[in-house]
C-alpha atoms as a PDB file:
ATOM      1  CA  MET A   1      48.951 119.152  68.780  1.00  0.00           C
ATOM      2  CA  GLY A   2      50.558 122.503  67.801  1.00  0.00           C
ATOM      3  CA  VAL A   3      51.006 121.445  64.363  1.00  0.00           C
ATOM      4  CA  ILE A   4      47.316 120.164  63.911  1.00  0.00           C
ATOM      5  CA  ILE A   5      46.354 123.642  65.287  1.00  0.00           C
ATOM      6  CA  ARG A   6      48.535 125.527  62.574  1.00  0.00           C
ATOM      7  CA  LEU A   7      47.140 123.373  59.769  1.00  0.00           C
ATOM      8  CA  MET A   8      43.497 124.177  61.064  1.00  0.00           C
ATOM      9  CA  ARG A   9      44.115 127.847  61.386  1.00  0.00           C
ATOM     10  CA  SER A  10      45.463 127.964  57.680  1.00  0.00           C
ATOM     11  CA  THR A  11      42.456 126.098  56.488  1.00  0.00           C
ATOM     12  CA  VAL A  12      40.045 128.420  58.415  1.00  0.00           C
ATOM     13  CA  TYR A  13      41.763 131.567  57.172  1.00  0.00           C
ATOM     14  CA  ARG A  14      41.312 130.097  53.525  1.00  0.00           C
ATOM     15  CA  SER A  15      37.769 129.695  54.007  1.00  0.00           C
ATOM     16  CA  LEU A  16      36.959 132.781  55.768  1.00  0.00           C
ATOM     17  CA  ILE A  17      38.769 134.894  52.602  1.00  0.00           C
ATOM     18  CA  SER A  18      35.278 134.766  50.886  1.00  0.00           C
ATOM     19  CA  LYS A  19      33.158 136.253  53.981  1.00  0.00           C
ATOM     20  CA  ASP A  20      32.578 139.717  55.065  1.00  0.00           C
ATOM     21  CA  LYS A  21      35.411 141.790  56.791  1.00  0.00           C
ATOM     22  CA  SER A  22      33.721 142.093  60.178  1.00  0.00           C
ATOM     23  CA  SER A  23      33.229 138.503  60.203  1.00  0.00           C
ATOM     24  CA  ASP A  24      36.840 137.885  59.328  1.00  0.00           C
ATOM     25  CA  GLU A  25      38.069 140.222  62.140  1.00  0.00           C
ATOM     26  CA  SER A  26      35.969 138.496  64.769  1.00  0.00           C
ATOM     27  CA  VAL A  27      36.915 134.970  64.162  1.00  0.00           C
ATOM     28  CA  ILE A  28      40.590 135.547  63.370  1.00  0.00           C
ATOM     29  CA  SER A  29      40.988 137.363  66.433  1.00  0.00           C
ATOM     30  CA  VAL A  30      40.249 134.052  68.063  1.00  0.00           C
ATOM     31  CA  ILE A  31      42.426 131.850  65.774  1.00  0.00           C
ATOM     32  CA  PHE A  32      45.493 133.353  66.851  1.00  0.00           C
ATOM     33  CA  GLY A  33      44.826 133.359  70.351  1.00  0.00           C
ATOM     34  CA  VAL A  34      43.993 130.893  73.210  1.00  0.00           C
ATOM     35  CA  GLY A  35      41.318 130.856  75.675  1.00  0.00           C
ATOM     36  CA  GLY A  36      39.272 133.711  77.230  1.00  0.00           C
ATOM     37  CA  ALA A  37      36.374 135.423  75.905  1.00  0.00           C
ATOM     38  CA  GLY A  38      37.182 135.417  72.496  1.00  0.00           C
ATOM     39  CA  SER A  39      37.172 131.556  72.767  1.00  0.00           C
ATOM     40  CA  LYS A  40      33.602 131.392  74.011  1.00  0.00           C
ATOM     41  CA  PHE A  41      32.657 133.709  70.845  1.00  0.00           C
ATOM     42  CA  PHE A  42      34.182 131.573  68.715  1.00  0.00           C
ATOM     43  CA  CYS A  43      32.649 128.449  70.172  1.00  0.00           C
ATOM     44  CA  GLU A  44      29.181 129.707  70.063  1.00  0.00           C
ATOM     45  CA  LYS A  45      29.864 130.566  66.286  1.00  0.00           C
ATOM     46  CA  SER A  46      31.415 127.380  65.416  1.00  0.00           C
ATOM     47  CA  LEU A  47      28.727 124.979  67.241  1.00  0.00           C
ATOM     48  CA  ALA A  48      25.803 127.174  65.733  1.00  0.00           C
ATOM     49  CA  GLY A  49      26.756 124.739  62.700  1.00  0.00           C
ATOM     50  CA  GLU A  50      28.619 127.239  60.395  1.00  0.00           C
ATOM     51  CA  SER A  51      31.676 124.897  59.781  1.00  0.00           C
ATOM     52  CA  VAL A  52      32.744 121.671  60.947  1.00  0.00           C
ATOM     53  CA  THR A  53      36.136 122.716  60.695  1.00  0.00           C
ATOM     54  CA  LEU A  54      35.824 125.544  62.821  1.00  0.00           C
ATOM     55  CA  THR A  55      34.129 123.586  65.736  1.00  0.00           C
ATOM     56  CA  LEU A  56      36.973 121.160  65.549  1.00  0.00           C
ATOM     57  CA  LEU A  57      39.480 124.266  65.961  1.00  0.00           C
ATOM     58  CA  CYS A  58      37.372 125.299  68.605  1.00  0.00           C
ATOM     59  CA  ILE A  59      37.623 121.892  70.526  1.00  0.00           C
ATOM     60  CA  LEU A  60      41.499 122.132  70.107  1.00  0.00           C
ATOM     61  CA  LEU A  61      42.039 125.747  71.100  1.00  0.00           C
ATOM     62  CA  ASN A  62      40.006 124.948  74.360  1.00  0.00           C
ATOM     63  CA  TYR A  63      42.181 121.798  74.972  1.00  0.00           C
ATOM     64  CA  ARG A  64      45.255 123.888  74.492  1.00  0.00           C
ATOM     65  CA  ALA A  65      44.165 126.798  76.930  1.00  0.00           C
ATOM     66  CA  SER A  66      43.125 124.408  79.504  1.00  0.00           C
ATOM     67  CA  SER A  67      46.954 122.999  79.251  1.00  0.00           C
ATOM     68  CA  VAL A  68      48.188 126.283  79.493  1.00  0.00           C
ATOM     69  CA  GLN A  69      46.311 127.293  82.666  1.00  0.00           C
ATOM     70  CA  GLY A  70      47.442 124.161  84.284  1.00  0.00           C
ATOM     71  CA  SER A  71      46.687 120.395  83.685  1.00  0.00           C
ATOM     72  CA  VAL A  72      45.355 119.985  87.449  1.00  0.00           C
ATOM     73  CA  THR A  73      41.815 120.891  87.965  1.00  0.00           C
ATOM     74  CA  GLY A  74      41.699 123.348  90.930  1.00  0.00           C
ATOM     75  CA  ALA A  75      45.394 123.780  91.334  1.00  0.00           C
ATOM     76  CA  PRO A  76      46.087 126.634  93.527  1.00  0.00           C
ATOM     77  CA  ARG A  77      47.446 129.543  91.757  1.00  0.00           C
ATOM     78  CA  LEU A  78      48.627 132.684  93.133  1.00  0.00           C
ATOM     79  CA  PRO A  79      47.496 136.188  91.904  1.00  0.00           C
ATOM     80  CA  SER A  80      50.301 138.079  90.246  1.00  0.00           C
ATOM     81  CA  ASN A  81      50.169 140.984  92.836  1.00  0.00           C
ATOM     82  CA  LYS A  82      50.323 138.491  95.760  1.00  0.00           C
ATOM     83  CA  ILE A  83      53.278 138.783  98.189  1.00  0.00           C
ATOM     84  CA  VAL A  84      54.104 136.191 100.154  1.00  0.00           C
ATOM     85  CA  GLY A  85      55.997 136.388 103.393  1.00  0.00           C
ATOM     86  CA  SER A  86      55.572 138.060 106.588  1.00  0.00           C
ATOM     87  CA  PRO A  87      53.814 141.158 107.365  1.00  0.00           C
ATOM     88  CA  ALA A  88      57.685 142.798 107.662  1.00  0.00           C
ATOM     89  CA  SER A  89      58.421 141.494 104.063  1.00  0.00           C
ATOM     90  CA  LYS A  90      54.975 143.029 102.616  1.00  0.00           C
ATOM     91  CA  LEU A  91      55.947 146.546 104.208  1.00  0.00           C
ATOM     92  CA  MET A  92      59.522 146.326 102.471  1.00  0.00           C
ATOM     93  CA  SER A  93      58.286 145.189  99.163  1.00  0.00           C
ATOM     94  CA  SER A  94      55.968 148.191  99.217  1.00  0.00           C
ATOM     95  CA  ASN A  95      58.487 150.595  99.837  1.00  0.00           C
ATOM     96  CA  GLU A  96      61.738 151.893  97.922  1.00  0.00           C
ATOM     97  CA  LYS A  97      64.914 150.835  99.231  1.00  0.00           C
ATOM     98  CA  ILE A  98      67.436 153.841  99.146  1.00  0.00           C
ATOM     99  CA  TYR A  99      70.508 152.338 101.052  1.00  0.00           C
ATOM    100  CA  SER A 100      71.803 148.944 102.022  1.00  0.00           C
ATOM    101  CA  GLY A 101      74.547 149.379 105.053  1.00  0.00           C
ATOM    102  CA  LYS A 102      76.372 147.005 106.918  1.00  0.00           C
ATOM    103  CA  THR A 103      73.885 146.862 109.682  1.00  0.00           C
ATOM    104  CA  LYS A 104      70.620 148.327 108.405  1.00  0.00           C
ATOM    105  CA  ASP A 105      68.534 148.778 105.295  1.00  0.00           C
ATOM    106  CA  LEU A 106      66.597 152.039 104.573  1.00  0.00           C
ATOM    107  CA  PHE A 107      63.592 152.484 102.732  1.00  0.00           C
ATOM    108  CA  LEU A 108      61.539 155.516 101.858  1.00  0.00           C
ATOM    109  CA  LEU A 109      58.004 155.832 103.344  1.00  0.00           C
ATOM    110  CA  PRO A 110      54.988 157.464 101.499  1.00  0.00           C
ATOM    111  CA  ASN A 111      55.252 160.239 104.033  1.00  0.00           C
ATOM    112  CA  ASN A 112      58.779 160.974 102.932  1.00  0.00           C
ATOM    113  CA  ASN A 113      59.935 159.432 106.330  1.00  0.00           C
ATOM    114  CA  VAL A 114      62.936 156.898 106.355  1.00  0.00           C
ATOM    115  CA  LEU A 115      62.558 153.279 107.846  1.00  0.00           C
ATOM    116  CA  LEU A 116      65.587 151.832 109.186  1.00  0.00           C
ATOM    117  CA  VAL A 117      65.571 148.002 109.226  1.00  0.00           C
ATOM    118  CA  PHE A 118      68.116 146.536 111.560  1.00  0.00           C
ATOM    119  CA  LYS A 119      70.029 143.341 110.291  1.00  0.00           C
ATOM    120  CA  ASP A 120      71.896 140.677 112.112  1.00  0.00           C
ATOM    121  CA  ASP A 121      74.878 141.023 110.414  1.00  0.00           C
ATOM    122  CA  VAL A 122      78.331 141.586 112.495  1.00  0.00           C
ATOM    123  CA  THR A 123      81.481 143.537 111.451  1.00  0.00           C
ATOM    124  CA  GLY A 124      84.907 142.269 112.654  1.00  0.00           C
ATOM    125  CA  GLU A 125      88.424 141.515 111.330  1.00  0.00           C
ATOM    126  CA  ASN A 126      90.107 137.936 110.875  1.00  0.00           C
ATOM    127  CA  GLY A 127      87.180 136.073 112.403  1.00  0.00           C
ATOM    128  CA  VAL A 128      86.897 138.461 115.464  1.00  0.00           C
ATOM    129  CA  ILE A 129      83.759 140.746 116.121  1.00  0.00           C
ATOM    130  CA  ASP A 130      84.968 144.432 116.387  1.00  0.00           C
ATOM    131  CA  PRO A 131      82.144 147.112 116.188  1.00  0.00           C
ATOM    132  CA  GLY A 132      84.956 149.578 114.896  1.00  0.00           C
ATOM    133  CA  ALA A 133      85.792 147.247 111.699  1.00  0.00           C
ATOM    134  CA  ASN A 134      84.496 147.998 108.313  1.00  0.00           C
ATOM    135  CA  THR A 135      83.924 144.396 107.165  1.00  0.00           C
ATOM    136  CA  VAL A 136      80.903 142.217 107.960  1.00  0.00           C
ATOM    137  CA  ILE A 137      82.005 138.703 108.864  1.00  0.00           C
ATOM    138  CA  GLY A 138      78.952 137.038 109.725  1.00  0.00           C
ATOM    139  CA  GLN A 139      75.475 136.893 111.535  1.00  0.00           C
ATOM    140  CA  VAL A 140      74.233 136.544 115.116  1.00  0.00           C
ATOM    141  CA  GLU A 141      70.676 135.642 115.439  1.00  0.00           C
ATOM    142  CA  GLY A 142      68.674 138.568 117.197  1.00  0.00           C
ATOM    143  CA  LYS A 143      71.371 141.201 116.959  1.00  0.00           C
ATOM    144  CA  GLY A 144      69.555 143.678 115.049  1.00  0.00           C
ATOM    145  CA  ARG A 145      66.701 143.687 117.595  1.00  0.00           C
ATOM    146  CA  LYS A 146      69.031 144.144 120.221  1.00  0.00           C
ATOM    147  CA  SER A 147      70.757 147.092 118.433  1.00  0.00           C
ATOM    148  CA  LEU A 148      67.656 148.593 118.117  1.00  0.00           C
ATOM    149  CA  ALA A 149      66.786 148.009 122.032  1.00  0.00           C
ATOM    150  CA  MET A 150      69.794 149.896 123.110  1.00  0.00           C
ATOM    151  CA  THR A 151      69.216 152.676 120.344  1.00  0.00           C
ATOM    152  CA  ASP A 152      65.773 153.200 122.121  1.00  0.00           C
ATOM    153  CA  TYR A 153      67.372 152.944 125.405  1.00  0.00           C
ATOM    154  CA  PHE A 154      69.746 155.777 124.841  1.00  0.00           C
ATOM    155  CA  PHE A 155      67.667 157.793 122.436  1.00  0.00           C
ATOM    156  CA  LYS A 156      65.432 158.192 125.452  1.00  0.00           C
ATOM    157  CA  ARG A 157      67.998 159.399 127.803  1.00  0.00           C
ATOM    158  CA  LEU A 158      69.089 161.835 124.730  1.00  0.00           C
ATOM    159  CA  HIS A 159      65.864 163.323 124.683  1.00  0.00           C
ATOM    160  CA  ALA A 160      65.632 163.752 128.705  1.00  0.00           C
ATOM    161  CA  ALA A 161      68.622 166.005 128.071  1.00  0.00           C
ATOM    162  CA  ASP A 162      67.238 168.035 125.389  1.00  0.00           C
ATOM    163  CA  ILE A 163      69.377 166.446 122.656  1.00  0.00           C
ATOM    164  CA  ALA A 164      67.364 166.164 119.540  1.00  0.00           C
ATOM    165  CA  THR A 165      67.460 162.921 117.332  1.00  0.00           C
ATOM    166  CA  HIS A 166      65.820 162.069 114.269  1.00  0.00           C
ATOM    167  CA  LEU A 167      63.529 159.325 115.725  1.00  0.00           C
ATOM    168  CA  VAL A 168      59.856 159.557 115.227  1.00  0.00           C
ATOM    169  CA  ASP A 169      58.617 156.024 116.013  1.00  0.00           C
ATOM    170  CA  LEU A 170      59.900 152.069 116.325  1.00  0.00           C
ATOM    171  CA  ASP A 171      58.967 148.653 116.570  1.00  0.00           C
ATOM    172  CA  LEU A 172      61.065 146.386 118.710  1.00  0.00           C
ATOM    173  CA  GLU A 173      59.382 143.322 117.519  1.00  0.00           C
ATOM    174  CA  LYS A 174      59.799 144.041 113.691  1.00  0.00           C
ATOM    175  CA  GLY A 175      63.514 145.395 114.238  1.00  0.00           C
ATOM    176  CA  THR A 176      62.362 148.786 112.420  1.00  0.00           C
ATOM    177  CA  MET A 177      62.759 152.283 113.328  1.00  0.00           C
ATOM    178  CA  GLU A 178      60.874 155.353 111.554  1.00  0.00           C
ATOM    179  CA  VAL A 179      63.098 158.382 111.435  1.00  0.00           C
ATOM    180  CA  ARG A 180      62.846 161.982 109.932  1.00  0.00           C
ATOM    181  CA  ARG A 181      64.668 161.947 106.783  1.00  0.00           C
ATOM    182  CA  ALA A 182      68.004 163.743 107.567  1.00  0.00           C
ATOM    183  CA  VAL A 183      70.821 165.151 105.555  1.00  0.00           C
ATOM    184  CA  PRO A 184      73.828 163.630 106.902  1.00  0.00           C
ATOM    185  CA  LEU A 185      76.859 165.984 107.478  1.00  0.00           C
ATOM    186  CA  GLY A 186      79.703 165.872 105.087  1.00  0.00           C
ATOM    187  CA  LYS A 187      77.930 164.030 102.317  1.00  0.00           C
ATOM    188  CA  ASP A 188      80.258 163.637  99.026  1.00  0.00           C
ATOM    189  CA  LEU A 189      79.669 164.817  95.638  1.00  0.00           C
ATOM    190  CA  ASN A 190      77.269 161.906  94.557  1.00  0.00           C
ATOM    191  CA  GLY A 191      75.234 162.556  97.753  1.00  0.00           C
ATOM    192  CA  ALA A 192      76.664 159.390  99.616  1.00  0.00           C
ATOM    193  CA  GLY A 193      79.032 158.900 102.401  1.00  0.00           C
ATOM    194  CA  GLY A 194      79.153 161.450 105.297  1.00  0.00           C
ATOM    195  CA  LEU A 195      81.227 162.017 108.593  1.00  0.00           C
ATOM    196  CA  GLU A 196      81.238 159.868 111.781  1.00  0.00           C
ATOM    197  CA  PHE A 197      82.287 161.604 114.868  1.00  0.00           C
ATOM    198  CA  VAL A 198      84.604 159.536 117.431  1.00  0.00           C
ATOM    199  CA  CYS A 199      84.686 160.472 120.931  1.00  0.00           C
ATOM    200  CA  ARG A 200      87.461 158.920 123.048  1.00  0.00           C
ATOM    201  CA  THR A 201      87.547 158.604 126.544  1.00  0.00           C
ATOM    202  CA  ARG A 202      91.085 156.704 126.685  1.00  0.00           C
ATOM    203  CA  PRO A 203      93.686 155.313 124.002  1.00  0.00           C
ATOM    204  CA  TRP A 204      92.433 152.189 122.484  1.00  0.00           C
ATOM    205  CA  GLY A 205      92.276 150.522 118.836  1.00  0.00           C
ATOM    206  CA  SER A 206      93.232 152.712 115.781  1.00  0.00           C
ATOM    207  CA  PHE A 207      94.276 155.648 118.072  1.00  0.00           C
ATOM    208  CA  ILE A 208      97.097 153.473 119.684  1.00  0.00           C
ATOM    209  CA  ARG A 209      97.938 151.888 116.213  1.00  0.00           C
ATOM    210  CA  ARG A 210      98.502 155.396 114.795  1.00  0.00           C
ATOM    211  CA  TYR A 211     100.337 157.042 117.983  1.00  0.00           C
ATOM    212  CA  LYS A 212     101.822 154.129 119.869  1.00  0.00           C
ATOM    213  CA  GLN A 213     105.407 155.930 119.569  1.00  0.00           C
ATOM    214  CA  TYR A 214     103.989 159.273 120.979  1.00  0.00           C
ATOM    215  CA  ILE A 215     101.683 157.899 123.794  1.00  0.00           C
ATOM    216  CA  ARG A 216     103.448 157.742 127.066  1.00  0.00           C
ATOM    217  CA  ASN A 217     100.504 156.460 129.264  1.00  0.00           C
ATOM    218  CA  THR A 218      97.811 154.209 127.520  1.00  0.00           C
ATOM    219  CA  GLU A 219      95.785 154.545 130.602  1.00  0.00           C
ATOM    220  CA  GLN A 220      95.582 158.284 130.403  1.00  0.00           C
ATOM    221  CA  LYS A 221      92.162 160.064 129.878  1.00  0.00           C
ATOM    222  CA  LEU A 222      91.573 161.748 126.542  1.00  0.00           C
ATOM    223  CA  ASP A 223      89.067 163.813 128.033  1.00  0.00           C
ATOM    224  CA  TYR A 224      86.389 163.415 125.433  1.00  0.00           C
ATOM    225  CA  LEU A 225      88.573 163.938 122.343  1.00  0.00           C
ATOM    226  CA  VAL A 226      86.561 163.984 119.037  1.00  0.00           C
ATOM    227  CA  GLU A 227      87.856 162.543 116.034  1.00  0.00           C
ATOM    228  CA  ILE A 228      86.219 162.831 112.548  1.00  0.00           C
ATOM    229  CA  THR A 229      86.389 160.225 109.864  1.00  0.00           C
ATOM    230  CA  VAL A 230      84.907 160.095 106.464  1.00  0.00           C
ATOM    231  CA  LYS A 231      82.532 157.080 105.737  1.00  0.00           C
ATOM    232  CA  ASP A 232      84.434 155.501 103.072  1.00  0.00           C
ATOM    233  CA  ASP A 233      85.104 151.696 103.312  1.00  0.00           C
ATOM    234  CA  GLU A 234      87.309 151.285 100.242  1.00  0.00           C
ATOM    235  CA  ARG A 235      89.910 153.540 102.152  1.00  0.00           C
ATOM    236  CA  GLY A 236      89.290 152.510 105.696  1.00  0.00           C
ATOM    237  CA  ASP A 237      87.291 155.679 106.907  1.00  0.00           C
ATOM    238  CA  PRO A 238      90.310 158.032 106.973  1.00  0.00           C
ATOM    239  CA  LEU A 239      90.414 160.779 109.265  1.00  0.00           C
ATOM    240  CA  ILE A 240      89.806 164.162 108.375  1.00  0.00           C
ATOM    241  CA  ASN A 241      90.466 167.543 110.330  1.00  0.00           C
ATOM    242  CA  ASP A 242      88.309 170.576 110.883  1.00  0.00           C
ATOM    243  CA  ASP A 243      90.016 172.893 108.682  1.00  0.00           C
ATOM    244  CA  SER A 244      89.690 170.578 105.868  1.00  0.00           C
ATOM    245  CA  ILE A 245      85.906 170.146 106.700  1.00  0.00           C
ATOM    246  CA  VAL A 246      85.416 173.743 106.573  1.00  0.00           C
ATOM    247  CA  ALA A 247      87.806 174.750 103.438  1.00  0.00           C
ATOM    248  CA  ILE A 248      86.134 172.212 101.145  1.00  0.00           C
ATOM    249  CA  GLY A 249      82.766 173.242 102.291  1.00  0.00           C
ATOM    250  CA  LEU A 250      81.789 169.829 103.777  1.00  0.00           C
ATOM    251  CA  VAL A 251      80.142 171.361 106.909  1.00  0.00           C
ATOM    252  CA  SER A 252      79.985 175.020 107.739  1.00  0.00           C
ATOM    253  CA  THR A 253      82.082 176.278 110.864  1.00  0.00           C
ATOM    254  CA  GLU A 254      78.851 176.695 113.015  1.00  0.00           C
ATOM    255  CA  HIS A 255      77.141 173.264 112.022  1.00  0.00           C
ATOM    256  CA  LEU A 256      80.703 171.828 113.046  1.00  0.00           C
ATOM    257  CA  ALA A 257      81.075 173.138 116.073  1.00  0.00           C
ATOM    258  CA  GLN A 258      77.466 172.026 117.286  1.00  0.00           C
ATOM    259  CA  ALA A 259      78.130 168.579 115.745  1.00  0.00           C
ATOM    260  CA  LYS A 260      81.163 168.301 118.324  1.00  0.00           C
ATOM    261  CA  ASP A 261      79.474 169.782 121.034  1.00  0.00           C
ATOM    262  CA  ILE A 262      76.735 167.010 120.896  1.00  0.00           C
ATOM    263  CA  THR A 263      79.241 164.583 120.401  1.00  0.00           C
ATOM    264  CA  ARG A 264      80.832 165.083 123.656  1.00  0.00           C
ATOM    265  CA  ARG A 265      77.468 165.557 125.413  1.00  0.00           C
ATOM    266  CA  VAL A 266      76.304 162.306 123.901  1.00  0.00           C
ATOM    267  CA  CYS A 267      79.290 160.589 125.030  1.00  0.00           C
ATOM    268  CA  ARG A 268      79.135 161.835 128.798  1.00  0.00           C
ATOM    269  CA  ILE A 269      75.422 160.775 128.952  1.00  0.00           C
ATOM    270  CA  VAL A 270      76.507 157.126 127.657  1.00  0.00           C
ATOM    271  CA  GLU A 271      79.469 157.252 129.993  1.00  0.00           C
ATOM    272  CA  ALA A 272      77.539 158.015 132.922  1.00  0.00           C
ATOM    273  CA  ASP A 273      74.739 155.512 132.352  1.00  0.00           C
ATOM    274  CA  LEU A 274      77.421 152.764 131.664  1.00  0.00           C
ATOM    275  CA  ALA A 275      79.334 153.614 134.716  1.00  0.00           C
ATOM    276  CA  SER A 276      76.146 153.467 136.882  1.00  0.00           C
ATOM    277  CA  LYS A 277      76.110 149.515 135.751  1.00  0.00           C
ATOM    278  CA  GLY A 278      79.980 148.929 136.548  1.00  0.00           C
ATOM    279  CA  LEU A 279      80.862 149.510 132.981  1.00  0.00           C
ATOM    280  CA  THR A 280      83.316 151.614 131.530  1.00  0.00           C
ATOM    281  CA  LEU A 281      83.023 153.463 127.731  1.00  0.00           C
ATOM    282  CA  ILE A 282      86.420 153.148 125.933  1.00  0.00           C
ATOM    283  CA  ASP A 283      84.949 155.059 123.093  1.00  0.00           C
ATOM    284  CA  MET A 284      81.728 155.487 120.713  1.00  0.00           C
ATOM    285  CA  LYS A 285      80.842 157.171 117.477  1.00  0.00           C
ATOM    286  CA  ILE A 286      77.686 158.573 116.365  1.00  0.00           C
ATOM    287  CA  GLU A 287      76.464 160.193 112.951  1.00  0.00           C
ATOM    288  CA  LEU A 288      74.712 163.645 112.891  1.00  0.00           C
ATOM    289  CA  GLY A 289      72.885 165.137 110.223  1.00  0.00           C
ATOM    290  CA  LEU A 290      70.442 168.315 109.554  1.00  0.00           C
ATOM    291  CA  VAL A 291      66.919 168.067 109.974  1.00  0.00           C
ATOM    292  CA  ASP A 292      64.953 171.470 109.047  1.00  0.00           C
ATOM    293  CA  GLY A 293      68.253 172.965 109.485  1.00  0.00           C
ATOM    294  CA  ALA A 294      69.148 171.765 112.994  1.00  0.00           C
ATOM    295  CA  VAL A 295      72.026 169.194 113.954  1.00  0.00           C
ATOM    296  CA  VAL A 296      70.485 166.234 115.186  1.00  0.00           C
ATOM    297  CA  VAL A 297      71.755 162.675 116.073  1.00  0.00           C
ATOM    298  CA  ILE A 298      70.709 160.268 113.493  1.00  0.00           C
ATOM    299  CA  ASP A 299      71.420 156.502 112.926  1.00  0.00           C
ATOM    300  CA  GLU A 300      71.738 154.490 116.153  1.00  0.00           C
ATOM    301  CA  ILE A 301      73.320 154.425 119.248  1.00  0.00           C
ATOM    302  CA  SER A 302      74.052 150.805 120.355  1.00  0.00           C
ATOM    303  CA  ALA A 303      76.869 148.251 121.026  1.00  0.00           C
ATOM    304  CA  ASP A 304      77.541 148.204 117.206  1.00  0.00           C
ATOM    305  CA  ALA A 305      79.027 151.843 117.603  1.00  0.00           C
ATOM    306  CA  MET A 306      80.907 151.714 120.922  1.00  0.00           C
ATOM    307  CA  ARG A 307      83.147 149.845 122.850  1.00  0.00           C
ATOM    308  CA  VAL A 308      82.641 148.971 126.610  1.00  0.00           C
ATOM    309  CA  MET A 309      84.594 147.403 129.301  1.00  0.00           C
ATOM    310  CA  ASP A 310      83.612 145.565 132.435  1.00  0.00           C
ATOM    311  CA  ALA A 311      85.410 146.028 136.088  1.00  0.00           C
ATOM    312  CA  ALA A 312      87.759 142.999 134.963  1.00  0.00           C
ATOM    313  CA  GLY A 313      89.080 144.890 131.916  1.00  0.00           C
ATOM    314  CA  ASN A 314      87.252 142.716 129.302  1.00  0.00           C
ATOM    315  CA  VAL A 315      85.789 144.343 126.313  1.00  0.00           C
ATOM    316  CA  LEU A 316      82.205 143.060 126.317  1.00  0.00           C
ATOM    317  CA  GLU A 317      80.754 141.681 123.208  1.00  0.00           C
ATOM    318  CA  HIS A 318      77.375 143.109 121.588  1.00  0.00           C
ATOM    319  CA  SER A 319      74.790 140.955 123.444  1.00  0.00           C
ATOM    320  CA  MET A 320      76.549 141.468 127.140  1.00  0.00           C
ATOM    321  CA  VAL A 321      76.108 145.211 126.492  1.00  0.00           C
ATOM    322  CA  HIS A 322      72.590 144.649 125.652  1.00  0.00           C
ATOM    323  CA  GLU A 323      71.846 142.331 128.721  1.00  0.00           C
ATOM    324  CA  LYS A 324      73.786 144.821 131.156  1.00  0.00           C
ATOM    325  CA  LEU A 325      71.471 147.671 129.782  1.00  0.00           C
ATOM    326  CA  VAL A 326      68.084 146.072 128.615  1.00  0.00           C
ATOM    327  CA  GLY A 327      68.193 142.847 130.462  1.00  0.00           C
END
């Protein structure tokens, strides 16, 4: 069929050379296209008796056009701009993804706020789930929504204590949280990374691994010791001290002091709430950033970023903490 059309095009083109230029342009524009309004014009001119050759070519072109559009009459075709999926997927597709982390994706909204989408990914090492680890080892269905529910639970308690967060609104069903756009404390030269503030109530995990030769009593209280780490998975989130932070200009002395104070206050609130349920907070980490020049709590507060122990000394996994807090 393609060969016949090409031959017909050549024949028609030669027959048109003797015609006036305006007529040539009208018909030639159709000969080198398929279907559409042009074909309708072409067929009307051909069937008017101008040329048997043109009439035959019209038939062949319309046949080819119907083949391109689909051989089955009435076959369903989606519009090119149609988005298929859940309402949440439509929302994600319509906004710019600005960051993809281990447990959340971030999208920029038209109002310049940010939408946090909580994921079901879990971190750990050697197949064992550990919220303090930097490697994603799998997924647990529903885990993202549970993290959001715990964040909602603790943010309400922070607000009651006059501790500011970047929260605007959240949707537990969709697993999303709208927040004010913040500048994380301690971003690197490329505008990525930042600092994490760890608050410890007792020696555990990496703290013991670092200082085990110097710790005389692993049951001792650490009095809300704050450690600061650089968000850098490739280097294992290395520790950084206050003097280094100020010396290289990551955070001002004033903002650093405020950030450490907020970290301790948050830790005390979380610890007291867990204690009322017969649970012990071992350690936790939070992120802080600047919103309109003020230091506020950002990101989340959930079992993704804390270790919690029951009365029997067992460290509880994510869903158990959620059950104790939210039910």
